[in-house]
């Protein structure tokens, strides 16, 4: 698919009312056309299926173009290690939580290579706000397992700080960890190494979950 064809498809699906709504939710400084996520996902799957040199030639500048590029990277069937350069391109372009969360949610390949991917992108812990969120959400989506849980906790301790979208991702990840590994995550929370914001948001998110029992919610409230 060419740049002209992809952009024409995006613009044909643009909706000004949705653009105004989404701009308030995403809070990106990027220009935005107002294309709903399912339409971008469908186009990205088509671009990934066609293959070719789309990822090498497509010039992504606005919100939807970057989302299309990011999702195409996620859906592309090449081995993950062959897509690092494209992922790096995305990381240089993003300025909002939605690009991070949507790309990682689509990147199902990472289930099979999570440790190698984590090792390659561990340096993001020292990066900018949305690079750090990228690492935090990746850990939540693909690394909340018995053998990696303590390493996830240690990384979340390092990631927390003064960046809102990073702190929210850490709290989100820990609330999911409470669902999957309640006792171990509770013990981690009780260590007292989290800042007040992350701690409170973690408890809040967990207590809003339908997958946490009433007894567990009461215990969390007592913290």
N, C-alpha and C. Protein backbone atom coordinates (compact mmCIF):
# COMPACT_ATOMS: atom_id res chain seq x y z
N UNK A 1 0.85 -1.19 0.00
CA UNK A 1 0.00 0.00 0.00
C UNK A 1 0.89 1.24 0.00
N UNK A 2 0.54 2.21 -0.82
CA UNK A 2 1.34 3.42 -0.90
C UNK A 2 0.90 4.43 0.16
N UNK A 3 1.73 5.44 0.36
CA UNK A 3 1.40 6.52 1.29
C UNK A 3 0.09 7.19 0.87
N UNK A 4 -0.07 7.45 -0.41
CA UNK A 4 -1.26 8.12 -0.91
C UNK A 4 -2.52 7.29 -0.65
N UNK A 5 -2.44 5.99 -0.89
CA UNK A 5 -3.59 5.12 -0.67
C UNK A 5 -3.95 5.03 0.81
N UNK A 6 -2.95 4.90 1.67
CA UNK A 6 -3.21 4.80 3.11
C UNK A 6 -3.81 6.09 3.65
N UNK A 7 -3.25 7.21 3.26
CA UNK A 7 -3.76 8.49 3.76
C UNK A 7 -5.16 8.78 3.23
N UNK A 8 -5.42 8.38 1.99
CA UNK A 8 -6.76 8.57 1.43
C UNK A 8 -7.78 7.75 2.21
N UNK A 9 -7.42 6.54 2.58
CA UNK A 9 -8.33 5.70 3.36
C UNK A 9 -8.58 6.28 4.74
N UNK A 10 -7.55 6.82 5.36
CA UNK A 10 -7.72 7.46 6.67
C UNK A 10 -8.61 8.69 6.57
N UNK A 11 -8.36 9.53 5.61
CA UNK A 11 -9.14 10.77 5.48
C UNK A 11 -10.59 10.48 5.13
N UNK A 12 -10.82 9.40 4.38
CA UNK A 12 -12.20 9.04 4.03
C UNK A 12 -12.99 8.62 5.26
N UNK A 13 -12.30 8.14 6.28
CA UNK A 13 -12.98 7.70 7.51
C UNK A 13 -12.99 8.78 8.59
N UNK A 14 -12.48 9.95 8.29
CA UNK A 14 -12.38 11.01 9.29
C UNK A 14 -13.75 11.53 9.70
N UNK A 15 -13.87 11.88 10.96
CA UNK A 15 -15.12 12.37 11.55
C UNK A 15 -14.77 13.53 12.48
N UNK A 16 -15.21 14.72 12.14
CA UNK A 16 -14.85 15.91 12.91
C UNK A 16 -15.37 15.85 14.34
N UNK A 17 -16.56 15.33 14.51
CA UNK A 17 -17.12 15.24 15.86
C UNK A 17 -16.27 14.29 16.72
N UNK A 18 -15.87 13.17 16.14
CA UNK A 18 -15.02 12.24 16.87
C UNK A 18 -13.64 12.86 17.12
N UNK A 19 -13.12 13.62 16.17
CA UNK A 19 -11.82 14.27 16.35
C UNK A 19 -11.83 15.15 17.59
N UNK A 20 -12.89 15.96 17.72
CA UNK A 20 -12.99 16.86 18.87
C UNK A 20 -13.07 16.08 20.18
N UNK A 21 -13.82 14.98 20.17
CA UNK A 21 -13.95 14.14 21.36
C UNK A 21 -12.62 13.49 21.70
N UNK A 22 -11.98 12.86 20.71
CA UNK A 22 -10.75 12.12 20.95
C UNK A 22 -9.61 13.03 21.39
N UNK A 23 -9.58 14.24 20.85
CA UNK A 23 -8.53 15.18 21.22
C UNK A 23 -8.55 15.48 22.72
N UNK A 24 -9.74 15.53 23.30
CA UNK A 24 -9.86 15.79 24.74
C UNK A 24 -9.40 14.60 25.56
N UNK A 25 -9.60 13.40 25.03
CA UNK A 25 -9.25 12.18 25.76
C UNK A 25 -7.76 11.90 25.68
N UNK A 26 -7.20 12.03 24.48
CA UNK A 26 -5.82 11.63 24.23
C UNK A 26 -4.82 12.70 24.67
N UNK A 27 -5.18 13.98 24.49
CA UNK A 27 -4.33 15.11 24.86
C UNK A 27 -2.97 15.07 24.15
N UNK A 28 -3.03 14.86 22.86
CA UNK A 28 -1.82 14.86 22.04
C UNK A 28 -1.63 16.23 21.40
N UNK A 29 -0.38 16.60 21.18
CA UNK A 29 -0.08 17.84 20.46
C UNK A 29 -0.03 17.63 18.95
N UNK A 30 -0.23 16.38 18.52
CA UNK A 30 -0.17 16.06 17.10
C UNK A 30 -1.45 16.49 16.38
N UNK A 31 -1.36 16.90 15.11
CA UNK A 31 -2.58 17.13 14.33
C UNK A 31 -3.39 15.84 14.27
N UNK A 32 -4.71 15.97 14.20
CA UNK A 32 -5.58 14.80 14.26
C UNK A 32 -6.69 14.93 13.23
N UNK A 33 -6.98 13.81 12.52
CA UNK A 33 -8.05 13.81 11.53
C UNK A 33 -9.38 13.35 12.13
N UNK A 34 -9.35 12.53 13.15
CA UNK A 34 -10.59 12.05 13.76
C UNK A 34 -11.06 10.73 13.18
N UNK A 35 -10.16 9.76 13.10
CA UNK A 35 -10.50 8.43 12.59
C UNK A 35 -10.64 7.48 13.77
N UNK A 36 -11.73 6.76 13.82
CA UNK A 36 -11.96 5.84 14.94
C UNK A 36 -10.98 4.67 14.89
N UNK A 37 -10.67 4.18 16.07
CA UNK A 37 -9.64 3.14 16.20
C UNK A 37 -9.93 1.90 15.35
N UNK A 38 -11.16 1.34 15.33
CA UNK A 38 -11.39 0.15 14.51
C UNK A 38 -11.05 0.35 13.03
N UNK A 39 -11.28 1.54 12.51
CA UNK A 39 -10.96 1.81 11.11
C UNK A 39 -9.45 1.80 10.90
N UNK A 40 -8.70 2.37 11.84
CA UNK A 40 -7.24 2.37 11.72
C UNK A 40 -6.71 0.94 11.87
N UNK A 41 -7.27 0.18 12.79
CA UNK A 41 -6.85 -1.20 12.99
C UNK A 41 -7.08 -2.03 11.72
N UNK A 42 -8.22 -1.86 11.11
CA UNK A 42 -8.53 -2.61 9.88
C UNK A 42 -7.54 -2.27 8.78
N UNK A 43 -7.23 -0.99 8.62
CA UNK A 43 -6.29 -0.58 7.59
C UNK A 43 -4.88 -1.09 7.90
N UNK A 44 -4.49 -1.08 9.17
CA UNK A 44 -3.17 -1.56 9.56
C UNK A 44 -3.03 -3.05 9.27
N UNK A 45 -4.07 -3.83 9.53
CA UNK A 45 -4.02 -5.26 9.22
C UNK A 45 -3.86 -5.48 7.72
N UNK A 46 -4.49 -4.65 6.92
CA UNK A 46 -4.36 -4.76 5.47
C UNK A 46 -2.93 -4.42 5.03
N UNK A 47 -2.38 -3.35 5.63
CA UNK A 47 -1.00 -2.96 5.30
C UNK A 47 -0.02 -4.06 5.69
N UNK A 48 -0.22 -4.66 6.86
CA UNK A 48 0.67 -5.72 7.32
C UNK A 48 0.55 -6.95 6.44
N UNK A 49 -0.66 -7.27 6.01
CA UNK A 49 -0.88 -8.45 5.17
C UNK A 49 -0.23 -8.27 3.80
N UNK A 50 -0.32 -7.08 3.25
CA UNK A 50 0.26 -6.82 1.94
C UNK A 50 1.78 -6.82 1.98
N UNK A 51 2.33 -6.46 3.14
CA UNK A 51 3.79 -6.46 3.28
C UNK A 51 4.42 -5.38 2.43
N UNK A 52 5.44 -5.75 1.67
CA UNK A 52 6.13 -4.78 0.84
C UNK A 52 6.99 -3.85 1.68
N UNK A 53 7.20 -2.64 1.17
CA UNK A 53 8.10 -1.70 1.85
C UNK A 53 7.34 -0.61 2.58
N UNK A 54 6.08 -0.88 2.97
CA UNK A 54 5.25 0.14 3.61
C UNK A 54 5.95 0.74 4.83
N UNK A 55 6.48 -0.12 5.71
CA UNK A 55 7.10 0.38 6.94
C UNK A 55 8.39 1.15 6.67
N UNK A 56 9.01 0.92 5.52
CA UNK A 56 10.24 1.63 5.18
C UNK A 56 9.97 2.97 4.50
N UNK A 57 8.80 3.10 3.89
CA UNK A 57 8.55 4.29 3.07
C UNK A 57 7.47 5.21 3.64
N UNK A 58 6.60 4.69 4.51
CA UNK A 58 5.48 5.51 4.98
C UNK A 58 5.99 6.61 5.90
N UNK A 59 5.55 7.82 5.66
CA UNK A 59 5.95 8.97 6.46
C UNK A 59 4.80 9.34 7.39
N UNK A 60 4.96 9.04 8.66
CA UNK A 60 3.90 9.27 9.65
C UNK A 60 4.17 10.57 10.40
N UNK A 61 3.21 11.48 10.36
CA UNK A 61 3.40 12.78 10.99
C UNK A 61 2.26 13.16 11.92
N UNK A 62 1.02 12.80 11.58
CA UNK A 62 -0.07 13.19 12.47
C UNK A 62 -0.51 12.01 13.32
N UNK A 63 -1.52 12.21 14.16
CA UNK A 63 -1.93 11.21 15.14
C UNK A 63 -2.33 9.89 14.46
N UNK A 64 -3.20 9.96 13.47
CA UNK A 64 -3.68 8.74 12.82
C UNK A 64 -2.60 8.04 12.01
N UNK A 65 -1.74 8.81 11.36
CA UNK A 65 -0.65 8.21 10.59
C UNK A 65 0.30 7.44 11.51
N UNK A 66 0.61 8.01 12.65
CA UNK A 66 1.50 7.33 13.60
C UNK A 66 0.82 6.09 14.17
N UNK A 67 -0.48 6.20 14.47
CA UNK A 67 -1.20 5.03 14.96
C UNK A 67 -1.24 3.93 13.91
N UNK A 68 -1.47 4.29 12.65
CA UNK A 68 -1.47 3.30 11.57
C UNK A 68 -0.11 2.62 11.47
N UNK A 69 0.94 3.40 11.52
CA UNK A 69 2.29 2.84 11.43
C UNK A 69 2.56 1.91 12.61
N UNK A 70 2.22 2.36 13.82
CA UNK A 70 2.47 1.56 15.03
C UNK A 70 1.71 0.24 14.99
N UNK A 71 0.46 0.28 14.57
CA UNK A 71 -0.34 -0.94 14.51
C UNK A 71 0.14 -1.87 13.40
N UNK A 72 0.61 -1.31 12.30
CA UNK A 72 1.15 -2.14 11.23
C UNK A 72 2.40 -2.87 11.72
N UNK A 73 3.23 -2.18 12.47
CA UNK A 73 4.40 -2.84 13.07
C UNK A 73 3.95 -4.00 13.95
N UNK A 74 2.93 -3.77 14.77
CA UNK A 74 2.45 -4.80 15.69
C UNK A 74 1.88 -6.00 14.94
N UNK A 75 1.15 -5.76 13.85
CA UNK A 75 0.49 -6.84 13.11
C UNK A 75 1.43 -7.54 12.13
N UNK A 76 2.51 -6.90 11.74
CA UNK A 76 3.45 -7.46 10.77
C UNK A 76 3.96 -8.82 11.26
N UNK A 77 4.08 -9.78 10.35
CA UNK A 77 4.40 -11.15 10.73
C UNK A 77 5.89 -11.45 10.79
N UNK A 78 6.74 -10.50 10.48
CA UNK A 78 8.17 -10.74 10.60
C UNK A 78 8.56 -11.00 12.06
N UNK A 79 9.66 -11.72 12.30
CA UNK A 79 10.12 -11.90 13.67
C UNK A 79 10.32 -10.56 14.37
N UNK A 80 10.06 -10.52 15.66
CA UNK A 80 10.12 -9.26 16.40
C UNK A 80 11.49 -8.61 16.28
N UNK A 81 12.55 -9.41 16.33
CA UNK A 81 13.90 -8.83 16.28
C UNK A 81 14.18 -8.12 14.95
N UNK A 82 13.41 -8.46 13.92
CA UNK A 82 13.56 -7.77 12.64
C UNK A 82 12.74 -6.47 12.59
N UNK A 83 12.00 -6.20 13.66
CA UNK A 83 11.15 -5.02 13.67
C UNK A 83 11.60 -3.97 14.69
N UNK A 84 12.75 -4.19 15.30
CA UNK A 84 13.22 -3.24 16.31
C UNK A 84 13.37 -1.82 15.75
N UNK A 85 13.88 -1.70 14.54
CA UNK A 85 14.08 -0.37 13.95
C UNK A 85 12.74 0.34 13.76
N UNK A 86 11.71 -0.41 13.39
CA UNK A 86 10.39 0.19 13.21
C UNK A 86 9.78 0.59 14.56
N UNK A 87 9.99 -0.25 15.58
CA UNK A 87 9.51 0.09 16.92
C UNK A 87 10.21 1.36 17.40
N UNK A 88 11.50 1.46 17.14
CA UNK A 88 12.25 2.65 17.52
C UNK A 88 11.68 3.90 16.83
N UNK A 89 11.26 3.75 15.57
CA UNK A 89 10.63 4.87 14.86
C UNK A 89 9.37 5.32 15.59
N UNK A 90 8.57 4.36 16.02
CA UNK A 90 7.34 4.68 16.74
C UNK A 90 7.66 5.40 18.04
N UNK A 91 8.62 4.89 18.78
CA UNK A 91 8.97 5.49 20.07
C UNK A 91 9.44 6.93 19.92
N UNK A 92 10.04 7.25 18.79
CA UNK A 92 10.48 8.63 18.56
C UNK A 92 9.32 9.56 18.23
N UNK A 93 8.21 8.99 17.79
CA UNK A 93 7.10 9.80 17.29
C UNK A 93 5.98 10.02 18.32
N UNK A 94 5.77 9.08 19.23
CA UNK A 94 4.60 9.13 20.10
C UNK A 94 4.71 10.24 21.15
N UNK A 95 3.55 10.82 21.45
CA UNK A 95 3.49 11.83 22.52
C UNK A 95 2.24 11.64 23.38
N UNK A 96 1.69 10.42 23.41
CA UNK A 96 0.43 10.20 24.13
C UNK A 96 0.29 8.74 24.53
N UNK A 97 -0.58 8.51 25.50
CA UNK A 97 -0.79 7.16 26.04
C UNK A 97 -1.48 6.23 25.05
N UNK A 98 -2.33 6.77 24.19
CA UNK A 98 -3.14 5.91 23.31
C UNK A 98 -2.28 5.15 22.31
N UNK A 99 -1.30 5.82 21.72
CA UNK A 99 -0.41 5.13 20.79
C UNK A 99 0.29 3.96 21.48
N UNK A 100 0.75 4.20 22.70
CA UNK A 100 1.44 3.16 23.46
C UNK A 100 0.51 1.97 23.72
N UNK A 101 -0.63 2.26 24.30
CA UNK A 101 -1.53 1.19 24.75
C UNK A 101 -2.10 0.39 23.59
N UNK A 102 -2.49 1.08 22.52
CA UNK A 102 -3.08 0.41 21.38
C UNK A 102 -2.05 -0.45 20.64
N UNK A 103 -0.84 0.06 20.49
CA UNK A 103 0.19 -0.72 19.81
C UNK A 103 0.51 -1.99 20.59
N UNK A 104 0.74 -1.85 21.88
CA UNK A 104 1.11 -3.01 22.68
C UNK A 104 -0.03 -4.01 22.79
N UNK A 105 -1.26 -3.53 22.86
CA UNK A 105 -2.39 -4.43 22.91
C UNK A 105 -2.51 -5.29 21.66
N UNK A 106 -2.03 -4.77 20.54
CA UNK A 106 -2.10 -5.49 19.26
C UNK A 106 -0.89 -6.37 19.01
N UNK A 107 0.16 -6.22 19.80
CA UNK A 107 1.46 -6.83 19.52
C UNK A 107 1.55 -8.23 20.15
N UNK A 108 0.70 -9.14 19.71
CA UNK A 108 0.58 -10.45 20.34
C UNK A 108 1.83 -11.31 20.19
N UNK A 109 2.68 -10.99 19.23
CA UNK A 109 3.95 -11.73 19.06
C UNK A 109 4.79 -11.70 20.33
N UNK A 110 4.63 -10.65 21.12
CA UNK A 110 5.50 -10.45 22.28
C UNK A 110 5.30 -11.53 23.34
N UNK A 111 4.19 -12.25 23.29
CA UNK A 111 3.97 -13.34 24.24
C UNK A 111 5.07 -14.38 24.15
N UNK A 112 5.61 -14.59 22.95
CA UNK A 112 6.57 -15.66 22.73
C UNK A 112 8.02 -15.21 22.86
N UNK A 113 8.26 -13.92 23.01
CA UNK A 113 9.65 -13.45 23.09
C UNK A 113 9.78 -12.33 24.12
N UNK A 114 8.97 -12.40 25.17
CA UNK A 114 8.89 -11.29 26.12
C UNK A 114 10.22 -11.00 26.82
N UNK A 115 10.98 -12.05 27.16
CA UNK A 115 12.22 -11.82 27.89
C UNK A 115 13.27 -11.17 27.01
N UNK A 116 13.37 -11.60 25.76
CA UNK A 116 14.32 -10.98 24.84
C UNK A 116 13.92 -9.54 24.54
N UNK A 117 12.62 -9.31 24.39
CA UNK A 117 12.13 -7.96 24.11
C UNK A 117 12.41 -7.05 25.30
N UNK A 118 12.16 -7.56 26.50
CA UNK A 118 12.41 -6.78 27.71
C UNK A 118 13.89 -6.42 27.82
N UNK A 119 14.75 -7.39 27.57
CA UNK A 119 16.19 -7.13 27.64
C UNK A 119 16.61 -6.06 26.63
N UNK A 120 16.02 -6.11 25.44
CA UNK A 120 16.38 -5.14 24.39
C UNK A 120 15.91 -3.74 24.74
N UNK A 121 14.76 -3.63 25.41
CA UNK A 121 14.19 -2.32 25.69
C UNK A 121 14.22 -1.94 27.17
N UNK A 122 15.06 -2.60 27.94
CA UNK A 122 15.19 -2.25 29.36
C UNK A 122 15.65 -0.81 29.55
N UNK A 123 16.40 -0.29 28.57
CA UNK A 123 16.90 1.09 28.68
C UNK A 123 15.78 2.12 28.68
N UNK A 124 14.58 1.73 28.28
CA UNK A 124 13.48 2.69 28.27
C UNK A 124 13.12 3.16 29.68
N UNK A 125 13.56 2.43 30.68
CA UNK A 125 13.32 2.84 32.07
C UNK A 125 13.95 4.20 32.35
N UNK A 126 14.92 4.59 31.55
CA UNK A 126 15.59 5.88 31.71
C UNK A 126 15.20 6.86 30.60
N UNK A 127 14.14 6.55 29.87
CA UNK A 127 13.73 7.38 28.74
C UNK A 127 12.72 8.45 29.11
N UNK A 128 12.04 8.96 28.08
CA UNK A 128 11.03 9.97 28.27
C UNK A 128 9.73 9.37 28.80
N UNK A 129 8.74 10.23 29.02
CA UNK A 129 7.51 9.79 29.68
C UNK A 129 6.83 8.66 28.93
N UNK A 130 6.70 8.76 27.63
CA UNK A 130 5.93 7.73 26.91
C UNK A 130 6.79 6.52 26.55
N UNK A 131 8.09 6.67 26.55
CA UNK A 131 8.95 5.49 26.47
C UNK A 131 8.84 4.69 27.76
N UNK A 132 8.81 5.37 28.88
CA UNK A 132 8.68 4.69 30.16
C UNK A 132 7.30 4.04 30.29
N UNK A 133 6.27 4.73 29.79
CA UNK A 133 4.94 4.12 29.80
C UNK A 133 4.93 2.87 28.91
N UNK A 134 5.61 2.94 27.78
CA UNK A 134 5.70 1.80 26.88
C UNK A 134 6.23 0.58 27.63
N UNK A 135 7.30 0.77 28.41
CA UNK A 135 7.87 -0.33 29.16
C UNK A 135 6.90 -0.82 30.24
N UNK A 136 6.25 0.11 30.93
CA UNK A 136 5.32 -0.26 32.00
C UNK A 136 4.14 -1.06 31.47
N UNK A 137 3.58 -0.64 30.35
CA UNK A 137 2.42 -1.33 29.78
C UNK A 137 2.84 -2.67 29.18
N UNK A 138 4.01 -2.72 28.56
CA UNK A 138 4.53 -4.00 28.06
C UNK A 138 4.62 -5.01 29.19
N UNK A 139 5.17 -4.59 30.33
CA UNK A 139 5.30 -5.50 31.48
C UNK A 139 3.92 -5.98 31.93
N UNK A 140 2.96 -5.10 31.96
CA UNK A 140 1.60 -5.49 32.36
C UNK A 140 0.99 -6.47 31.37
N UNK A 141 1.13 -6.19 30.09
CA UNK A 141 0.48 -7.01 29.06
C UNK A 141 1.11 -8.39 28.90
N UNK A 142 2.43 -8.47 29.10
CA UNK A 142 3.12 -9.70 28.68
C UNK A 142 4.03 -10.34 29.74
N UNK A 143 4.28 -9.70 30.86
CA UNK A 143 5.27 -10.21 31.80
C UNK A 143 4.75 -10.50 33.19
N UNK A 144 3.46 -10.43 33.40
CA UNK A 144 2.90 -10.75 34.72
C UNK A 144 2.72 -12.26 34.81
N UNK A 145 3.85 -12.93 35.05
CA UNK A 145 3.86 -14.38 35.19
C UNK A 145 4.72 -14.73 36.41
N UNK A 146 4.58 -15.93 36.88
CA UNK A 146 5.22 -16.34 38.13
C UNK A 146 6.73 -16.09 38.13
N UNK A 147 7.39 -16.45 37.03
CA UNK A 147 8.85 -16.39 37.02
C UNK A 147 9.41 -14.98 36.83
N UNK A 148 8.60 -14.05 36.35
CA UNK A 148 9.08 -12.69 36.10
C UNK A 148 8.52 -11.66 37.07
N UNK A 149 7.62 -12.07 37.93
CA UNK A 149 6.88 -11.11 38.74
C UNK A 149 7.78 -10.24 39.61
N UNK A 150 8.77 -10.81 40.27
CA UNK A 150 9.64 -10.01 41.13
C UNK A 150 10.43 -8.99 40.33
N UNK A 151 10.83 -9.35 39.12
CA UNK A 151 11.55 -8.41 38.26
C UNK A 151 10.62 -7.29 37.79
N UNK A 152 9.37 -7.63 37.54
CA UNK A 152 8.39 -6.60 37.18
C UNK A 152 8.23 -5.61 38.33
N UNK A 153 8.08 -6.12 39.55
CA UNK A 153 7.95 -5.25 40.71
C UNK A 153 9.15 -4.31 40.84
N UNK A 154 10.34 -4.85 40.66
CA UNK A 154 11.55 -4.04 40.78
C UNK A 154 11.60 -2.94 39.72
N UNK A 155 11.14 -3.28 38.51
CA UNK A 155 11.13 -2.29 37.44
C UNK A 155 10.07 -1.23 37.70
N UNK A 156 8.92 -1.64 38.20
CA UNK A 156 7.89 -0.67 38.53
C UNK A 156 8.36 0.30 39.62
N UNK A 157 9.13 -0.19 40.58
CA UNK A 157 9.70 0.70 41.59
C UNK A 157 10.57 1.76 40.93
N UNK A 158 11.35 1.35 39.94
CA UNK A 158 12.24 2.28 39.26
C UNK A 158 11.48 3.26 38.37
N UNK A 159 10.41 2.78 37.74
CA UNK A 159 9.67 3.62 36.79
C UNK A 159 8.87 4.72 37.47
N UNK A 160 8.37 4.46 38.67
CA UNK A 160 7.52 5.45 39.33
C UNK A 160 8.30 6.74 39.56
N UNK A 161 7.57 7.84 39.54
CA UNK A 161 8.22 9.14 39.73
C UNK A 161 7.20 10.25 39.56
N UNK A 162 7.61 11.32 38.89
CA UNK A 162 6.74 12.48 38.76
C UNK A 162 5.97 12.56 37.45
N UNK A 163 6.04 11.52 36.62
CA UNK A 163 5.39 11.56 35.31
C UNK A 163 4.03 10.88 35.40
N UNK A 164 2.99 11.64 35.15
CA UNK A 164 1.61 11.18 35.37
C UNK A 164 1.30 9.90 34.59
N UNK A 165 1.58 9.89 33.30
CA UNK A 165 1.17 8.75 32.48
C UNK A 165 2.00 7.50 32.77
N UNK A 166 3.19 7.68 33.33
CA UNK A 166 3.98 6.54 33.78
C UNK A 166 3.40 6.00 35.08
N UNK A 167 3.14 6.89 36.02
CA UNK A 167 2.57 6.47 37.30
C UNK A 167 1.24 5.75 37.12
N UNK A 168 0.42 6.25 36.21
CA UNK A 168 -0.87 5.61 35.97
C UNK A 168 -0.68 4.22 35.38
N UNK A 169 0.31 4.05 34.50
CA UNK A 169 0.57 2.74 33.91
C UNK A 169 1.09 1.77 34.96
N UNK A 170 1.95 2.25 35.86
CA UNK A 170 2.47 1.39 36.92
C UNK A 170 1.33 0.95 37.84
N UNK A 171 0.46 1.88 38.21
CA UNK A 171 -0.68 1.54 39.06
C UNK A 171 -1.60 0.55 38.36
N UNK A 172 -1.83 0.75 37.08
CA UNK A 172 -2.66 -0.16 36.29
C UNK A 172 -2.04 -1.56 36.29
N UNK A 173 -0.74 -1.62 36.03
CA UNK A 173 -0.06 -2.91 36.02
C UNK A 173 -0.13 -3.62 37.35
N UNK A 174 0.05 -2.88 38.43
CA UNK A 174 0.00 -3.50 39.75
C UNK A 174 -1.40 -3.95 40.12
N UNK A 175 -2.41 -3.23 39.65
CA UNK A 175 -3.79 -3.66 39.92
C UNK A 175 -4.09 -4.97 39.20
N UNK A 176 -3.54 -5.15 37.99
CA UNK A 176 -3.70 -6.41 37.27
C UNK A 176 -2.91 -7.51 37.98
N UNK A 177 -1.74 -7.16 38.50
CA UNK A 177 -0.95 -8.13 39.25
C UNK A 177 -1.71 -8.61 40.48
N UNK A 178 -2.47 -7.73 41.12
CA UNK A 178 -3.29 -8.14 42.26
C UNK A 178 -4.33 -9.18 41.85
N UNK A 179 -4.88 -9.04 40.66
CA UNK A 179 -5.85 -10.02 40.16
C UNK A 179 -5.18 -11.38 39.96
N UNK A 180 -3.98 -11.36 39.39
CA UNK A 180 -3.32 -12.61 39.01
C UNK A 180 -2.53 -13.24 40.16
N UNK A 181 -1.90 -12.40 40.97
CA UNK A 181 -1.04 -12.89 42.06
C UNK A 181 -1.31 -12.02 43.29
N UNK A 182 -2.47 -12.21 43.88
CA UNK A 182 -2.90 -11.30 44.94
C UNK A 182 -1.93 -11.29 46.12
N UNK A 183 -1.58 -12.43 46.65
CA UNK A 183 -0.77 -12.46 47.87
C UNK A 183 0.63 -11.87 47.64
N UNK A 184 1.25 -12.23 46.54
CA UNK A 184 2.60 -11.70 46.27
C UNK A 184 2.56 -10.20 46.00
N UNK A 185 1.53 -9.74 45.32
CA UNK A 185 1.45 -8.32 45.03
C UNK A 185 1.10 -7.53 46.29
N UNK A 186 0.23 -8.09 47.11
CA UNK A 186 -0.08 -7.44 48.38
C UNK A 186 1.17 -7.28 49.24
N UNK A 187 1.97 -8.32 49.29
CA UNK A 187 3.22 -8.25 50.06
C UNK A 187 4.14 -7.16 49.50
N UNK A 188 4.17 -7.03 48.18
CA UNK A 188 4.97 -5.97 47.57
C UNK A 188 4.43 -4.59 47.96
N UNK A 189 3.13 -4.41 47.90
CA UNK A 189 2.54 -3.12 48.28
C UNK A 189 2.87 -2.77 49.73
N UNK A 190 2.88 -3.76 50.57
CA UNK A 190 3.11 -3.54 52.00
C UNK A 190 4.56 -3.20 52.32
N UNK A 191 5.46 -3.36 51.36
CA UNK A 191 6.85 -2.96 51.57
C UNK A 191 7.00 -1.46 51.77
N UNK A 192 6.06 -0.70 51.21
CA UNK A 192 6.10 0.76 51.36
C UNK A 192 7.08 1.46 50.46
N UNK A 193 7.43 0.85 49.31
CA UNK A 193 8.40 1.45 48.39
C UNK A 193 7.75 2.26 47.27
N UNK A 194 6.43 2.26 47.20
CA UNK A 194 5.73 3.02 46.17
C UNK A 194 5.41 4.43 46.66
N UNK A 195 5.42 5.38 45.72
CA UNK A 195 5.01 6.72 46.13
C UNK A 195 3.50 6.75 46.38
N UNK A 196 3.05 7.77 47.05
CA UNK A 196 1.66 7.84 47.50
C UNK A 196 0.67 7.76 46.35
N UNK A 197 0.97 8.45 45.25
CA UNK A 197 0.06 8.47 44.11
C UNK A 197 -0.11 7.07 43.52
N UNK A 198 1.01 6.40 43.25
CA UNK A 198 0.95 5.07 42.65
C UNK A 198 0.25 4.09 43.59
N UNK A 199 0.57 4.17 44.86
CA UNK A 199 -0.04 3.27 45.84
C UNK A 199 -1.56 3.44 45.87
N UNK A 200 -2.01 4.69 45.97
CA UNK A 200 -3.45 4.95 46.07
C UNK A 200 -4.18 4.56 44.78
N UNK A 201 -3.57 4.86 43.64
CA UNK A 201 -4.20 4.51 42.36
C UNK A 201 -4.25 3.00 42.16
N UNK A 202 -3.23 2.30 42.62
CA UNK A 202 -3.23 0.84 42.53
C UNK A 202 -4.40 0.26 43.32
N UNK A 203 -4.55 0.72 44.54
CA UNK A 203 -5.64 0.24 45.40
C UNK A 203 -6.99 0.61 44.80
N UNK A 204 -7.10 1.84 44.30
CA UNK A 204 -8.36 2.29 43.71
C UNK A 204 -8.75 1.43 42.52
N UNK A 205 -7.80 1.19 41.61
CA UNK A 205 -8.08 0.40 40.42
C UNK A 205 -8.45 -1.03 40.78
N UNK A 206 -7.76 -1.59 41.77
CA UNK A 206 -8.05 -2.96 42.18
C UNK A 206 -9.44 -3.05 42.80
N UNK A 207 -9.80 -2.07 43.59
CA UNK A 207 -11.10 -2.10 44.26
C UNK A 207 -12.25 -1.85 43.27
N UNK A 208 -11.93 -1.32 42.10
CA UNK A 208 -12.94 -1.13 41.05
C UNK A 208 -13.08 -2.37 40.17
N UNK A 209 -12.19 -3.34 40.34
CA UNK A 209 -12.17 -4.53 39.48
C UNK A 209 -13.21 -5.55 39.92
N UNK A 210 -13.87 -6.16 38.95
CA UNK A 210 -14.81 -7.25 39.23
C UNK A 210 -14.08 -8.56 39.53
N UNK A 211 -12.76 -8.58 39.29
CA UNK A 211 -11.98 -9.80 39.49
C UNK A 211 -11.30 -9.85 40.86
N UNK A 212 -11.56 -8.86 41.68
CA UNK A 212 -11.07 -8.84 43.05
C UNK A 212 -12.24 -9.12 43.98
N UNK A 213 -12.07 -10.04 44.92
CA UNK A 213 -13.18 -10.44 45.80
C UNK A 213 -13.51 -9.32 46.79
N UNK A 214 -14.74 -9.31 47.31
CA UNK A 214 -15.12 -8.31 48.33
C UNK A 214 -14.18 -8.34 49.53
N UNK A 215 -13.75 -9.51 49.94
CA UNK A 215 -12.84 -9.62 51.09
C UNK A 215 -11.48 -8.99 50.76
N UNK A 216 -11.01 -9.22 49.56
CA UNK A 216 -9.74 -8.62 49.15
C UNK A 216 -9.86 -7.10 49.05
N UNK A 217 -10.98 -6.64 48.53
CA UNK A 217 -11.19 -5.19 48.42
C UNK A 217 -11.19 -4.54 49.80
N UNK A 218 -11.79 -5.20 50.75
CA UNK A 218 -11.82 -4.66 52.11
C UNK A 218 -10.40 -4.63 52.70
N UNK A 219 -9.64 -5.67 52.44
CA UNK A 219 -8.27 -5.71 52.92
C UNK A 219 -7.44 -4.58 52.29
N UNK A 220 -7.63 -4.36 51.00
CA UNK A 220 -6.91 -3.29 50.32
C UNK A 220 -7.31 -1.92 50.87
N UNK A 221 -8.59 -1.77 51.16
CA UNK A 221 -9.07 -0.50 51.71
C UNK A 221 -8.41 -0.21 53.03
N UNK A 222 -8.15 -1.25 53.82
CA UNK A 222 -7.55 -1.06 55.14
C UNK A 222 -6.10 -0.59 55.05
N UNK A 223 -5.48 -0.76 53.90
CA UNK A 223 -4.10 -0.32 53.73
C UNK A 223 -3.98 1.20 53.78
